[in-house]
Amino acid sequence: QAMAADPLAGRLTKVAVPNPADTSDEALAAHCKRFVKTNYHPAGTAK
């Protein structure tokens, strides 16, 4: 939604991923499963 709001929206041609035409929970969850990765913050293993 932020990408679809100005002024950012006026500088973009299209959203490549995820597919903006399908923002259902199922579609976004599938996108998340495919692309999720570490934010480089592993922790807690000798708490």
ModelCIF file with pLDDT and N, C-alpha, C, O atoms, coordinates in Angstrom:
data_MODEL
#
_entry.id   MODEL 
#
_entity.id                         1 
_entity.type                       polymer 
_entity.pdbx_number_of_molecules   1 
#
_entity_poly.entity_id                      1 
_entity_poly.type                           'polypeptide(L)' 
_entity_poly.nstd_linkage                   no 
_entity_poly.nstd_monomer                   no 
_entity_poly.pdbx_seq_one_letter_code       QAMAADPLAGRLTKVAVPNPADTSDEALAAHCKRFVKTNYHPAGTAK 
_entity_poly.pdbx_seq_one_letter_code_can   QAMAADPLAGRLTKVAVPNPADTSDEALAAHCKRFVKTNYHPAGTAK 
_entity_poly.pdbx_strand_id                 A 
#
loop_
_entity_poly_seq.entity_id 
_entity_poly_seq.num 
_entity_poly_seq.mon_id 
_entity_poly_seq.hetero 
1 1  GLN n 
1 2  ALA n 
1 3  MET n 
1 4  ALA n 
1 5  ALA n 
1 6  ASP n 
1 7  PRO n 
1 8  LEU n 
1 9  ALA n 
1 10 GLY n 
1 11 ARG n 
1 12 LEU n 
1 13 THR n 
1 14 LYS n 
1 15 VAL n 
1 16 ALA n 
1 17 VAL n 
1 18 PRO n 
1 19 ASN n 
1 20 PRO n 
1 21 ALA n 
1 22 ASP n 
1 23 THR n 
1 24 SER n 
1 25 ASP n 
1 26 GLU n 
1 27 ALA n 
1 28 LEU n 
1 29 ALA n 
1 30 ALA n 
1 31 HIS n 
1 32 CYS n 
1 33 LYS n 
1 34 ARG n 
1 35 PHE n 
1 36 VAL n 
1 37 LYS n 
1 38 THR n 
1 39 ASN n 
1 40 TYR n 
1 41 HIS n 
1 42 PRO n 
1 43 ALA n 
1 44 GLY n 
1 45 THR n 
1 46 ALA n 
1 47 LYS n 
#
_struct_asym.id          A 
_struct_asym.entity_id   1 
#
loop_
_ma_qa_metric.id 
_ma_qa_metric.mode 
_ma_qa_metric.name 
_ma_qa_metric.software_group_id 
_ma_qa_metric.type 
1 global pLDDT . pLDDT 
2 local  pLDDT . pLDDT 
#
_ma_qa_metric_global.metric_id      1 
_ma_qa_metric_global.metric_value   96.55 
_ma_qa_metric_global.model_id       1 
_ma_qa_metric_global.ordinal_id     1 
#
loop_
_ma_qa_metric_local.label_asym_id 
_ma_qa_metric_local.label_comp_id 
_ma_qa_metric_local.label_seq_id 
_ma_qa_metric_local.metric_id 
_ma_qa_metric_local.metric_value 
_ma_qa_metric_local.model_id 
_ma_qa_metric_local.ordinal_id 
A GLN 1  2 98.00 1 1  
A ALA 2  2 98.00 1 2  
A MET 3  2 97.00 1 3  
A ALA 4  2 97.00 1 4  
A ALA 5  2 98.00 1 5  
A ASP 6  2 98.00 1 6  
A PRO 7  2 98.00 1 7  
A LEU 8  2 98.00 1 8  
A ALA 9  2 97.00 1 9  
A GLY 10 2 97.00 1 10 
A ARG 11 2 98.00 1 11 
A LEU 12 2 98.00 1 12 
A THR 13 2 96.00 1 13 
A LYS 14 2 93.00 1 14 
A VAL 15 2 95.00 1 15 
A ALA 16 2 93.00 1 16 
A VAL 17 2 94.00 1 17 
A PRO 18 2 96.00 1 18 
A ASN 19 2 93.00 1 19 
A PRO 20 2 92.00 1 20 
A ALA 21 2 93.00 1 21 
A ASP 22 2 95.00 1 22 
A THR 23 2 95.00 1 23 
A SER 24 2 97.00 1 24 
A ASP 25 2 98.00 1 25 
A GLU 26 2 98.00 1 26 
A ALA 27 2 98.00 1 27 
A LEU 28 2 98.00 1 28 
A ALA 29 2 98.00 1 29 
A ALA 30 2 97.00 1 30 
A HIS 31 2 96.00 1 31 
A CYS 32 2 97.00 1 32 
A LYS 33 2 97.00 1 33 
A ARG 34 2 95.00 1 34 
A PHE 35 2 95.00 1 35 
A VAL 36 2 97.00 1 36 
A LYS 37 2 96.00 1 37 
A THR 38 2 96.00 1 38 
A ASN 39 2 96.00 1 39 
A TYR 40 2 96.00 1 40 
A HIS 41 2 98.00 1 41 
A PRO 42 2 98.00 1 42 
A ALA 43 2 98.00 1 43 
A GLY 44 2 98.00 1 44 
A THR 45 2 98.00 1 45 
A ALA 46 2 98.00 1 46 
A LYS 47 2 98.00 1 47 
#
loop_
_atom_site.group_PDB 
_atom_site.id 
_atom_site.type_symbol 
_atom_site.label_atom_id 
_atom_site.label_alt_id 
_atom_site.label_comp_id 
_atom_site.label_asym_id 
_atom_site.label_entity_id 
_atom_site.label_seq_id 
_atom_site.pdbx_PDB_ins_code 
_atom_site.Cartn_x 
_atom_site.Cartn_y 
_atom_site.Cartn_z 
_atom_site.occupancy 
_atom_site.B_iso_or_equiv 
_atom_site.pdbx_formal_charge 
_atom_site.auth_seq_id 
_atom_site.auth_comp_id 
_atom_site.auth_asym_id 
_atom_site.auth_atom_id 
_atom_site.pdbx_PDB_model_num 
ATOM 1   N N  . GLN A 1 1  ? 0.827  -1.205  0.000   1.00 98.00 ? 1  GLN A N  1 
ATOM 2   C CA . GLN A 1 1  ? 0.000  0.000   0.000   1.00 98.00 ? 1  GLN A CA 1 
ATOM 3   C C  . GLN A 1 1  ? 0.864  1.259   0.000   1.00 98.00 ? 1  GLN A C  1 
ATOM 4   O O  . GLN A 1 1  ? 0.512  2.254   -0.634  1.00 98.00 ? 1  GLN A O  1 
ATOM 5   N N  . ALA A 1 2  ? 1.991  1.219   0.707   1.00 98.00 ? 2  ALA A N  1 
ATOM 6   C CA . ALA A 1 2  ? 2.899  2.368   0.712   1.00 98.00 ? 2  ALA A CA 1 
ATOM 7   C C  . ALA A 1 2  ? 3.474  2.612   -0.675  1.00 98.00 ? 2  ALA A C  1 
ATOM 8   O O  . ALA A 1 2  ? 3.643  3.761   -1.084  1.00 98.00 ? 2  ALA A O  1 
ATOM 9   N N  . MET A 1 3  ? 3.779  1.537   -1.405  1.00 97.00 ? 3  MET A N  1 
ATOM 10  C CA . MET A 1 3  ? 4.279  1.702   -2.777  1.00 97.00 ? 3  MET A CA 1 
ATOM 11  C C  . MET A 1 3  ? 3.206  2.288   -3.700  1.00 97.00 ? 3  MET A C  1 
ATOM 12  O O  . MET A 1 3  ? 3.525  2.909   -4.713  1.00 97.00 ? 3  MET A O  1 
ATOM 13  N N  . ALA A 1 4  ? 1.969  2.091   -3.351  1.00 97.00 ? 4  ALA A N  1 
ATOM 14  C CA . ALA A 1 4  ? 0.866  2.618   -4.170  1.00 97.00 ? 4  ALA A CA 1 
ATOM 15  C C  . ALA A 1 4  ? 0.464  4.029   -3.765  1.00 97.00 ? 4  ALA A C  1 
ATOM 16  O O  . ALA A 1 4  ? -0.457 4.598   -4.351  1.00 97.00 ? 4  ALA A O  1 
ATOM 17  N N  . ALA A 1 5  ? 1.144  4.607   -2.768  1.00 98.00 ? 5  ALA A N  1 
ATOM 18  C CA . ALA A 1 5  ? 0.834  5.955   -2.293  1.00 98.00 ? 5  ALA A CA 1 
ATOM 19  C C  . ALA A 1 5  ? 1.866  6.939   -2.834  1.00 98.00 ? 5  ALA A C  1 
ATOM 20  O O  . ALA A 1 5  ? 3.038  6.597   -2.989  1.00 98.00 ? 5  ALA A O  1 
ATOM 21  N N  . ASP A 1 6  ? 1.430  8.141   -3.114  1.00 98.00 ? 6  ASP A N  1 
ATOM 22  C CA . ASP A 1 6  ? 2.356  9.191   -3.561  1.00 98.00 ? 6  ASP A CA 1 
ATOM 23  C C  . ASP A 1 6  ? 3.138  9.733   -2.363  1.00 98.00 ? 6  ASP A C  1 
ATOM 24  O O  . ASP A 1 6  ? 2.627  9.769   -1.243  1.00 98.00 ? 6  ASP A O  1 
ATOM 25  N N  . PRO A 1 7  ? 4.391  10.155  -2.612  1.00 98.00 ? 7  PRO A N  1 
ATOM 26  C CA . PRO A 1 7  ? 5.021  10.352  -3.916  1.00 98.00 ? 7  PRO A CA 1 
ATOM 27  C C  . PRO A 1 7  ? 5.710  9.124   -4.508  1.00 98.00 ? 7  PRO A C  1 
ATOM 28  O O  . PRO A 1 7  ? 6.147  9.168   -5.657  1.00 98.00 ? 7  PRO A O  1 
ATOM 29  N N  . LEU A 1 8  ? 5.817  8.033   -3.753  1.00 98.00 ? 8  LEU A N  1 
ATOM 30  C CA . LEU A 1 8  ? 6.527  6.857   -4.261  1.00 98.00 ? 8  LEU A CA 1 
ATOM 31  C C  . LEU A 1 8  ? 5.832  6.281   -5.483  1.00 98.00 ? 8  LEU A C  1 
ATOM 32  O O  . LEU A 1 8  ? 6.492  5.880   -6.441  1.00 98.00 ? 8  LEU A O  1 
ATOM 33  N N  . ALA A 1 9  ? 4.508  6.238   -5.457  1.00 97.00 ? 9  ALA A N  1 
ATOM 34  C CA . ALA A 1 9  ? 3.775  5.616   -6.560  1.00 97.00 ? 9  ALA A CA 1 
ATOM 35  C C  . ALA A 1 9  ? 4.074  6.289   -7.897  1.00 97.00 ? 9  ALA A C  1 
ATOM 36  O O  . ALA A 1 9  ? 4.123  5.623   -8.931  1.00 97.00 ? 9  ALA A O  1 
ATOM 37  N N  . GLY A 1 10 ? 4.272  7.600   -7.878  1.00 97.00 ? 10 GLY A N  1 
ATOM 38  C CA . GLY A 1 10 ? 4.517  8.323   -9.120  1.00 97.00 ? 10 GLY A CA 1 
ATOM 39  C C  . GLY A 1 10 ? 5.879  8.077   -9.716  1.00 97.00 ? 10 GLY A C  1 
ATOM 40  O O  . GLY A 1 10 ? 6.150  8.513   -10.835 1.00 97.00 ? 10 GLY A O  1 
ATOM 41  N N  . ARG A 1 11 ? 6.754  7.380   -8.989  1.00 98.00 ? 11 ARG A N  1 
ATOM 42  C CA . ARG A 1 11 ? 8.107  7.099   -9.492  1.00 98.00 ? 11 ARG A CA 1 
ATOM 43  C C  . ARG A 1 11 ? 8.293  5.627   -9.857  1.00 98.00 ? 11 ARG A C  1 
ATOM 44  O O  . ARG A 1 11 ? 9.393  5.225   -10.237 1.00 98.00 ? 11 ARG A O  1 
ATOM 45  N N  . LEU A 1 12 ? 7.247  4.824   -9.748  1.00 98.00 ? 12 LEU A N  1 
ATOM 46  C CA . LEU A 1 12 ? 7.355  3.396   -10.012 1.00 98.00 ? 12 LEU A CA 1 
ATOM 47  C C  . LEU A 1 12 ? 6.524  2.998   -11.223 1.00 98.00 ? 12 LEU A C  1 
ATOM 48  O O  . LEU A 1 12 ? 5.454  3.554   -11.472 1.00 98.00 ? 12 LEU A O  1 
ATOM 49  N N  . THR A 1 13 ? 7.039  2.022   -11.970 1.00 96.00 ? 13 THR A N  1 
ATOM 50  C CA . THR A 1 13 ? 6.282  1.505   -13.112 1.00 96.00 ? 13 THR A CA 1 
ATOM 51  C C  . THR A 1 13 ? 5.460  0.289   -12.714 1.00 96.00 ? 13 THR A C  1 
ATOM 52  O O  . THR A 1 13 ? 4.284  0.188   -13.065 1.00 96.00 ? 13 THR A O  1 
ATOM 53  N N  . LYS A 1 14 ? 6.077  -0.637  -11.979 1.00 93.00 ? 14 LYS A N  1 
ATOM 54  C CA . LYS A 1 14 ? 5.341  -1.816  -11.554 1.00 93.00 ? 14 LYS A CA 1 
ATOM 55  C C  . LYS A 1 14 ? 6.037  -2.479  -10.384 1.00 93.00 ? 14 LYS A C  1 
ATOM 56  O O  . LYS A 1 14 ? 7.250  -2.361  -10.215 1.00 93.00 ? 14 LYS A O  1 
ATOM 57  N N  . VAL A 1 15 ? 5.256  -3.174  -9.583  1.00 95.00 ? 15 VAL A N  1 
ATOM 58  C CA . VAL A 1 15 ? 5.801  -4.032  -8.547  1.00 95.00 ? 15 VAL A CA 1 
ATOM 59  C C  . VAL A 1 15 ? 6.067  -5.395  -9.169  1.00 95.00 ? 15 VAL A C  1 
ATOM 60  O O  . VAL A 1 15 ? 5.171  -6.003  -9.755  1.00 95.00 ? 15 VAL A O  1 
ATOM 61  N N  . ALA A 1 16 ? 7.301  -5.871  -9.038  1.00 93.00 ? 16 ALA A N  1 
ATOM 62  C CA . ALA A 1 16 ? 7.670  -7.146  -9.667  1.00 93.00 ? 16 ALA A CA 1 
ATOM 63  C C  . ALA A 1 16 ? 7.324  -8.333  -8.768  1.00 93.00 ? 16 ALA A C  1 
ATOM 64  O O  . ALA A 1 16 ? 6.744  -9.315  -9.231  1.00 93.00 ? 16 ALA A O  1 
ATOM 65  N N  . VAL A 1 17 ? 7.677  -8.245  -7.489  1.00 94.00 ? 17 VAL A N  1 
ATOM 66  C CA . VAL A 1 17 ? 7.328  -9.288  -6.516  1.00 94.00 ? 17 VAL A CA 1 
ATOM 67  C C  . VAL A 1 17 ? 6.983  -8.624  -5.206  1.00 94.00 ? 17 VAL A C  1 
ATOM 68  O O  . VAL A 1 17 ? 7.650  -7.674  -4.797  1.00 94.00 ? 17 VAL A O  1 
ATOM 69  N N  . PRO A 1 18 ? 5.929  -9.118  -4.524  1.00 96.00 ? 18 PRO A N  1 
ATOM 70  C CA . PRO A 1 18 ? 4.965  -10.139 -4.954  1.00 96.00 ? 18 PRO A CA 1 
ATOM 71  C C  . PRO A 1 18 ? 4.012  -9.580  -6.013  1.00 96.00 ? 18 PRO A C  1 
ATOM 72  O O  . PRO A 1 18 ? 4.045  -8.388  -6.319  1.00 96.00 ? 18 PRO A O  1 
ATOM 73  N N  . ASN A 1 19 ? 3.186  -10.425 -6.553  1.00 93.00 ? 19 ASN A N  1 
ATOM 74  C CA . ASN A 1 19 ? 2.229  -10.016 -7.570  1.00 93.00 ? 19 ASN A CA 1 
ATOM 75  C C  . ASN A 1 19 ? 1.196  -9.069  -6.967  1.00 93.00 ? 19 ASN A C  1 
ATOM 76  O O  . ASN A 1 19 ? 0.396  -9.502  -6.137  1.00 93.00 ? 19 ASN A O  1 
ATOM 77  N N  . PRO A 1 20 ? 1.181  -7.779  -7.356  1.00 92.00 ? 20 PRO A N  1 
ATOM 78  C CA . PRO A 1 20 ? 0.249  -6.833  -6.725  1.00 92.00 ? 20 PRO A CA 1 
ATOM 79  C C  . PRO A 1 20 ? -1.200 -7.081  -7.105  1.00 92.00 ? 20 PRO A C  1 
ATOM 80  O O  . PRO A 1 20 ? -2.106 -6.518  -6.489  1.00 92.00 ? 20 PRO A O  1 
ATOM 81  N N  . ALA A 1 21 ? -1.432 -7.920  -8.116  1.00 93.00 ? 21 ALA A N  1 
ATOM 82  C CA . ALA A 1 21 ? -2.799 -8.224  -8.521  1.00 93.00 ? 21 ALA A CA 1 
ATOM 83  C C  . ALA A 1 21 ? -3.472 -9.235  -7.603  1.00 93.00 ? 21 ALA A C  1 
ATOM 84  O O  . ALA A 1 21 ? -4.692 -9.396  -7.641  1.00 93.00 ? 21 ALA A O  1 
ATOM 85  N N  . ASP A 1 22 ? -2.680 -9.917  -6.777  1.00 95.00 ? 22 ASP A N  1 
ATOM 86  C CA . ASP A 1 22 ? -3.249 -10.900 -5.860  1.00 95.00 ? 22 ASP A CA 1 
ATOM 87  C C  . ASP A 1 22 ? -2.593 -10.728 -4.501  1.00 95.00 ? 22 ASP A C  1 
ATOM 88  O O  . ASP A 1 22 ? -1.500 -11.239 -4.257  1.00 95.00 ? 22 ASP A O  1 
ATOM 89  N N  . THR A 1 23 ? -3.270 -10.003 -3.617  1.00 95.00 ? 23 THR A N  1 
ATOM 90  C CA . THR A 1 23 ? -2.737 -9.784  -2.272  1.00 95.00 ? 23 THR A CA 1 
ATOM 91  C C  . THR A 1 23 ? -3.543 -10.545 -1.222  1.00 95.00 ? 23 THR A C  1 
ATOM 92  O O  . THR A 1 23 ? -3.654 -10.124 -0.071  1.00 95.00 ? 23 THR A O  1 
ATOM 93  N N  . SER A 1 24 ? -4.097 -11.668 -1.649  1.00 97.00 ? 24 SER A N  1 
ATOM 94  C CA . SER A 1 24 ? -4.787 -12.526 -0.700  1.00 97.00 ? 24 SER A CA 1 
ATOM 95  C C  . SER A 1 24 ? -3.782 -13.098 0.300   1.00 97.00 ? 24 SER A C  1 
ATOM 96  O O  . SER A 1 24 ? -2.581 -13.141 0.030   1.00 97.00 ? 24 SER A O  1 
ATOM 97  N N  . ASP A 1 25 ? -4.279 -13.533 1.445   1.00 98.00 ? 25 ASP A N  1 
ATOM 98  C CA . ASP A 1 25 ? -3.399 -14.146 2.443   1.00 98.00 ? 25 ASP A CA 1 
ATOM 99  C C  . ASP A 1 25 ? -2.644 -15.323 1.845   1.00 98.00 ? 25 ASP A C  1 
ATOM 100 O O  . ASP A 1 25 ? -1.458 -15.508 2.116   1.00 98.00 ? 25 ASP A O  1 
ATOM 101 N N  . GLU A 1 26 ? -3.327 -16.114 1.036   1.00 98.00 ? 26 GLU A N  1 
ATOM 102 C CA . GLU A 1 26 ? -2.711 -17.316 0.462   1.00 98.00 ? 26 GLU A CA 1 
ATOM 103 C C  . GLU A 1 26 ? -1.576 -16.951 -0.490  1.00 98.00 ? 26 GLU A C  1 
ATOM 104 O O  . GLU A 1 26 ? -0.508 -17.562 -0.458  1.00 98.00 ? 26 GLU A O  1 
ATOM 105 N N  . ALA A 1 27 ? -1.814 -15.955 -1.333  1.00 98.00 ? 27 ALA A N  1 
ATOM 106 C CA . ALA A 1 27 ? -0.795 -15.563 -2.313  1.00 98.00 ? 27 ALA A CA 1 
ATOM 107 C C  . ALA A 1 27 ? 0.413  -14.936 -1.619  1.00 98.00 ? 27 ALA A C  1 
ATOM 108 O O  . ALA A 1 27 ? 1.554  -15.239 -1.965  1.00 98.00 ? 27 ALA A O  1 
ATOM 109 N N  . LEU A 1 28 ? 0.168  -14.070 -0.649  1.00 98.00 ? 28 LEU A N  1 
ATOM 110 C CA . LEU A 1 28 ? 1.280  -13.434 0.046   1.00 98.00 ? 28 LEU A CA 1 
ATOM 111 C C  . LEU A 1 28 ? 2.042  -14.444 0.895   1.00 98.00 ? 28 LEU A C  1 
ATOM 112 O O  . LEU A 1 28 ? 3.262  -14.340 1.023   1.00 98.00 ? 28 LEU A O  1 
ATOM 113 N N  . ALA A 1 29 ? 1.352  -15.410 1.472   1.00 98.00 ? 29 ALA A N  1 
ATOM 114 C CA . ALA A 1 29 ? 2.040  -16.448 2.240   1.00 98.00 ? 29 ALA A CA 1 
ATOM 115 C C  . ALA A 1 29 ? 2.931  -17.289 1.334   1.00 98.00 ? 29 ALA A C  1 
ATOM 116 O O  . ALA A 1 29 ? 4.036  -17.661 1.729   1.00 98.00 ? 29 ALA A O  1 
ATOM 117 N N  . ALA A 1 30 ? 2.469  -17.591 0.134   1.00 97.00 ? 30 ALA A N  1 
ATOM 118 C CA . ALA A 1 30 ? 3.282  -18.352 -0.817  1.00 97.00 ? 30 ALA A CA 1 
ATOM 119 C C  . ALA A 1 30 ? 4.531  -17.562 -1.195  1.00 97.00 ? 30 ALA A C  1 
ATOM 120 O O  . ALA A 1 30 ? 5.622  -18.124 -1.292  1.00 97.00 ? 30 ALA A O  1 
ATOM 121 N N  . HIS A 1 31 ? 4.368  -16.259 -1.408  1.00 96.00 ? 31 HIS A N  1 
ATOM 122 C CA . HIS A 1 31 ? 5.519  -15.390 -1.696  1.00 96.00 ? 31 HIS A CA 1 
ATOM 123 C C  . HIS A 1 31 ? 6.501  -15.406 -0.524  1.00 96.00 ? 31 HIS A C  1 
ATOM 124 O O  . HIS A 1 31 ? 7.710  -15.516 -0.728  1.00 96.00 ? 31 HIS A O  1 
ATOM 125 N N  . CYS A 1 32 ? 5.991  -15.298 0.683   1.00 97.00 ? 32 CYS A N  1 
ATOM 126 C CA . CYS A 1 32 ? 6.857  -15.294 1.866   1.00 97.00 ? 32 CYS A CA 1 
ATOM 127 C C  . CYS A 1 32 ? 7.615  -16.612 2.006   1.00 97.00 ? 32 CYS A C  1 
ATOM 128 O O  . CYS A 1 32 ? 8.805  -16.609 2.321   1.00 97.00 ? 32 CYS A O  1 
ATOM 129 N N  . LYS A 1 33 ? 6.950  -17.723 1.779   1.00 97.00 ? 33 LYS A N  1 
ATOM 130 C CA . LYS A 1 33 ? 7.608  -19.022 1.888   1.00 97.00 ? 33 LYS A CA 1 
ATOM 131 C C  . LYS A 1 33 ? 8.737  -19.149 0.865   1.00 97.00 ? 33 LYS A C  1 
ATOM 132 O O  . LYS A 1 33 ? 9.765  -19.768 1.140   1.00 97.00 ? 33 LYS A O  1 
ATOM 133 N N  . ARG A 1 34 ? 8.543  -18.571 -0.294  1.00 95.00 ? 34 ARG A N  1 
ATOM 134 C CA . ARG A 1 34 ? 9.557  -18.695 -1.341  1.00 95.00 ? 34 ARG A CA 1 
ATOM 135 C C  . ARG A 1 34 ? 10.769 -17.812 -1.097  1.00 95.00 ? 34 ARG A C  1 
ATOM 136 O O  . ARG A 1 34 ? 11.890 -18.184 -1.445  1.00 95.00 ? 34 ARG A O  1 
ATOM 137 N N  . PHE A 1 35 ? 10.550 -16.626 -0.491  1.00 95.00 ? 35 PHE A N  1 
ATOM 138 C CA . PHE A 1 35 ? 11.636 -15.653 -0.430  1.00 95.00 ? 35 PHE A CA 1 
ATOM 139 C C  . PHE A 1 35 ? 12.164 -15.357 0.973   1.00 95.00 ? 35 PHE A C  1 
ATOM 140 O O  . PHE A 1 35 ? 13.167 -14.654 1.096   1.00 95.00 ? 35 PHE A O  1 
ATOM 141 N N  . VAL A 1 36 ? 11.539 -15.856 2.022   1.00 97.00 ? 36 VAL A N  1 
ATOM 142 C CA . VAL A 1 36 ? 12.012 -15.511 3.354   1.00 97.00 ? 36 VAL A CA 1 
ATOM 143 C C  . VAL A 1 36 ? 13.456 -15.933 3.557   1.00 97.00 ? 36 VAL A C  1 
ATOM 144 O O  . VAL A 1 36 ? 13.880 -16.997 3.106   1.00 97.00 ? 36 VAL A O  1 
ATOM 145 N N  . LYS A 1 37 ? 14.198 -15.084 4.241   1.00 96.00 ? 37 LYS A N  1 
ATOM 146 C CA . LYS A 1 37 ? 15.587 -15.389 4.558   1.00 96.00 ? 37 LYS A CA 1 
ATOM 147 C C  . LYS A 1 37 ? 15.957 -14.687 5.852   1.00 96.00 ? 37 LYS A C  1 
ATOM 148 O O  . LYS A 1 37 ? 15.158 -13.939 6.414   1.00 96.00 ? 37 LYS A O  1 
ATOM 149 N N  . THR A 1 38 ? 17.159 -14.928 6.314   1.00 96.00 ? 38 THR A N  1 
ATOM 150 C CA . THR A 1 38 ? 17.650 -14.315 7.526   1.00 96.00 ? 38 THR A CA 1 
ATOM 151 C C  . THR A 1 38 ? 17.795 -12.806 7.362   1.00 96.00 ? 38 THR A C  1 
ATOM 152 O O  . THR A 1 38 ? 18.129 -12.314 6.284   1.00 96.00 ? 38 THR A O  1 
ATOM 153 N N  . ASN A 1 39 ? 17.541 -12.084 8.444   1.00 96.00 ? 39 ASN A N  1 
ATOM 154 C CA . ASN A 1 39 ? 17.887 -10.669 8.520   1.00 96.00 ? 39 ASN A CA 1 
ATOM 155 C C  . ASN A 1 39 ? 19.265 -10.507 9.179   1.00 96.00 ? 39 ASN A C  1 
ATOM 156 O O  . ASN A 1 39 ? 19.647 -9.414  9.598   1.00 96.00 ? 39 ASN A O  1 
ATOM 157 N N  . TYR A 1 40 ? 20.000 -11.626 9.258   1.00 96.00 ? 40 TYR A N  1 
ATOM 158 C CA . TYR A 1 40 ? 21.381 -11.663 9.765   1.00 96.00 ? 40 TYR A CA 1 
ATOM 159 C C  . TYR A 1 40 ? 21.454 -11.424 11.274  1.00 96.00 ? 40 TYR A C  1 
ATOM 160 O O  . TYR A 1 40 ? 22.391 -10.791 11.761  1.00 96.00 ? 40 TYR A O  1 
ATOM 161 N N  . HIS A 1 41 ? 20.451 -11.938 12.020  1.00 98.00 ? 41 HIS A N  1 
ATOM 162 C CA . HIS A 1 41 ? 20.401 -11.698 13.456  1.00 98.00 ? 41 HIS A CA 1 
ATOM 163 C C  . HIS A 1 41 ? 20.201 -12.973 14.278  1.00 98.00 ? 41 HIS A C  1 
ATOM 164 O O  . HIS A 1 41 ? 19.355 -12.971 15.172  1.00 98.00 ? 41 HIS A O  1 
ATOM 165 N N  . PRO A 1 42 ? 20.929 -14.057 14.025  1.00 98.00 ? 42 PRO A N  1 
ATOM 166 C CA . PRO A 1 42 ? 20.725 -15.264 14.844  1.00 98.00 ? 42 PRO A CA 1 
ATOM 167 C C  . PRO A 1 42 ? 21.052 -14.991 16.306  1.00 98.00 ? 42 PRO A C  1 
ATOM 168 O O  . PRO A 1 42 ? 21.988 -14.258 16.623  1.00 98.00 ? 42 PRO A O  1 
ATOM 169 N N  . ALA A 1 43 ? 20.260 -15.597 17.191  1.00 98.00 ? 43 ALA A N  1 
ATOM 170 C CA . ALA A 1 43 ? 20.400 -15.306 18.617  1.00 98.00 ? 43 ALA A CA 1 
ATOM 171 C C  . ALA A 1 43 ? 19.807 -16.445 19.447  1.00 98.00 ? 43 ALA A C  1 
ATOM 172 O O  . ALA A 1 43 ? 19.087 -17.299 18.930  1.00 98.00 ? 43 ALA A O  1 
ATOM 173 N N  . GLY A 1 44 ? 20.124 -16.439 20.738  1.00 98.00 ? 44 GLY A N  1 
ATOM 174 C CA . GLY A 1 44 ? 19.397 -17.232 21.714  1.00 98.00 ? 44 GLY A CA 1 
ATOM 175 C C  . GLY A 1 44 ? 19.835 -18.656 21.955  1.00 98.00 ? 44 GLY A C  1 
ATOM 176 O O  . GLY A 1 44 ? 19.160 -19.369 22.697  1.00 98.00 ? 44 GLY A O  1 
ATOM 177 N N  . THR A 1 45 ? 20.937 -19.116 21.365  1.00 98.00 ? 45 THR A N  1 
ATOM 178 C CA . THR A 1 45 ? 21.277 -20.539 21.390  1.00 98.00 ? 45 THR A CA 1 
ATOM 179 C C  . THR A 1 45 ? 22.041 -20.993 22.635  1.00 98.00 ? 45 THR A C  1 
ATOM 180 O O  . THR A 1 45 ? 22.395 -22.166 22.749  1.00 98.00 ? 45 THR A O  1 
ATOM 181 N N  . ALA A 1 46 ? 22.297 -20.076 23.563  1.00 98.00 ? 46 ALA A N  1 
ATOM 182 C CA . ALA A 1 46 ? 22.873 -20.443 24.877  1.00 98.00 ? 46 ALA A CA 1 
ATOM 183 C C  . ALA A 1 46 ? 22.303 -19.449 25.879  1.00 98.00 ? 46 ALA A C  1 
ATOM 184 O O  . ALA A 1 46 ? 23.037 -18.668 26.485  1.00 98.00 ? 46 ALA A O  1 
ATOM 185 N N  . LYS A 1 47 ? 21.009 -19.486 26.041  1.00 98.00 ? 47 LYS A N  1 
ATOM 186 C CA . LYS A 1 47 ? 20.296 -18.382 26.680  1.00 98.00 ? 47 LYS A CA 1 
ATOM 187 C C  . LYS A 1 47 ? 20.500 -18.318 28.192  1.00 98.00 ? 47 LYS A C  1 
ATOM 188 O O  . LYS A 1 47 ? 19.954 -17.434 28.852  1.00 98.00 ? 47 LYS A O  1 
#
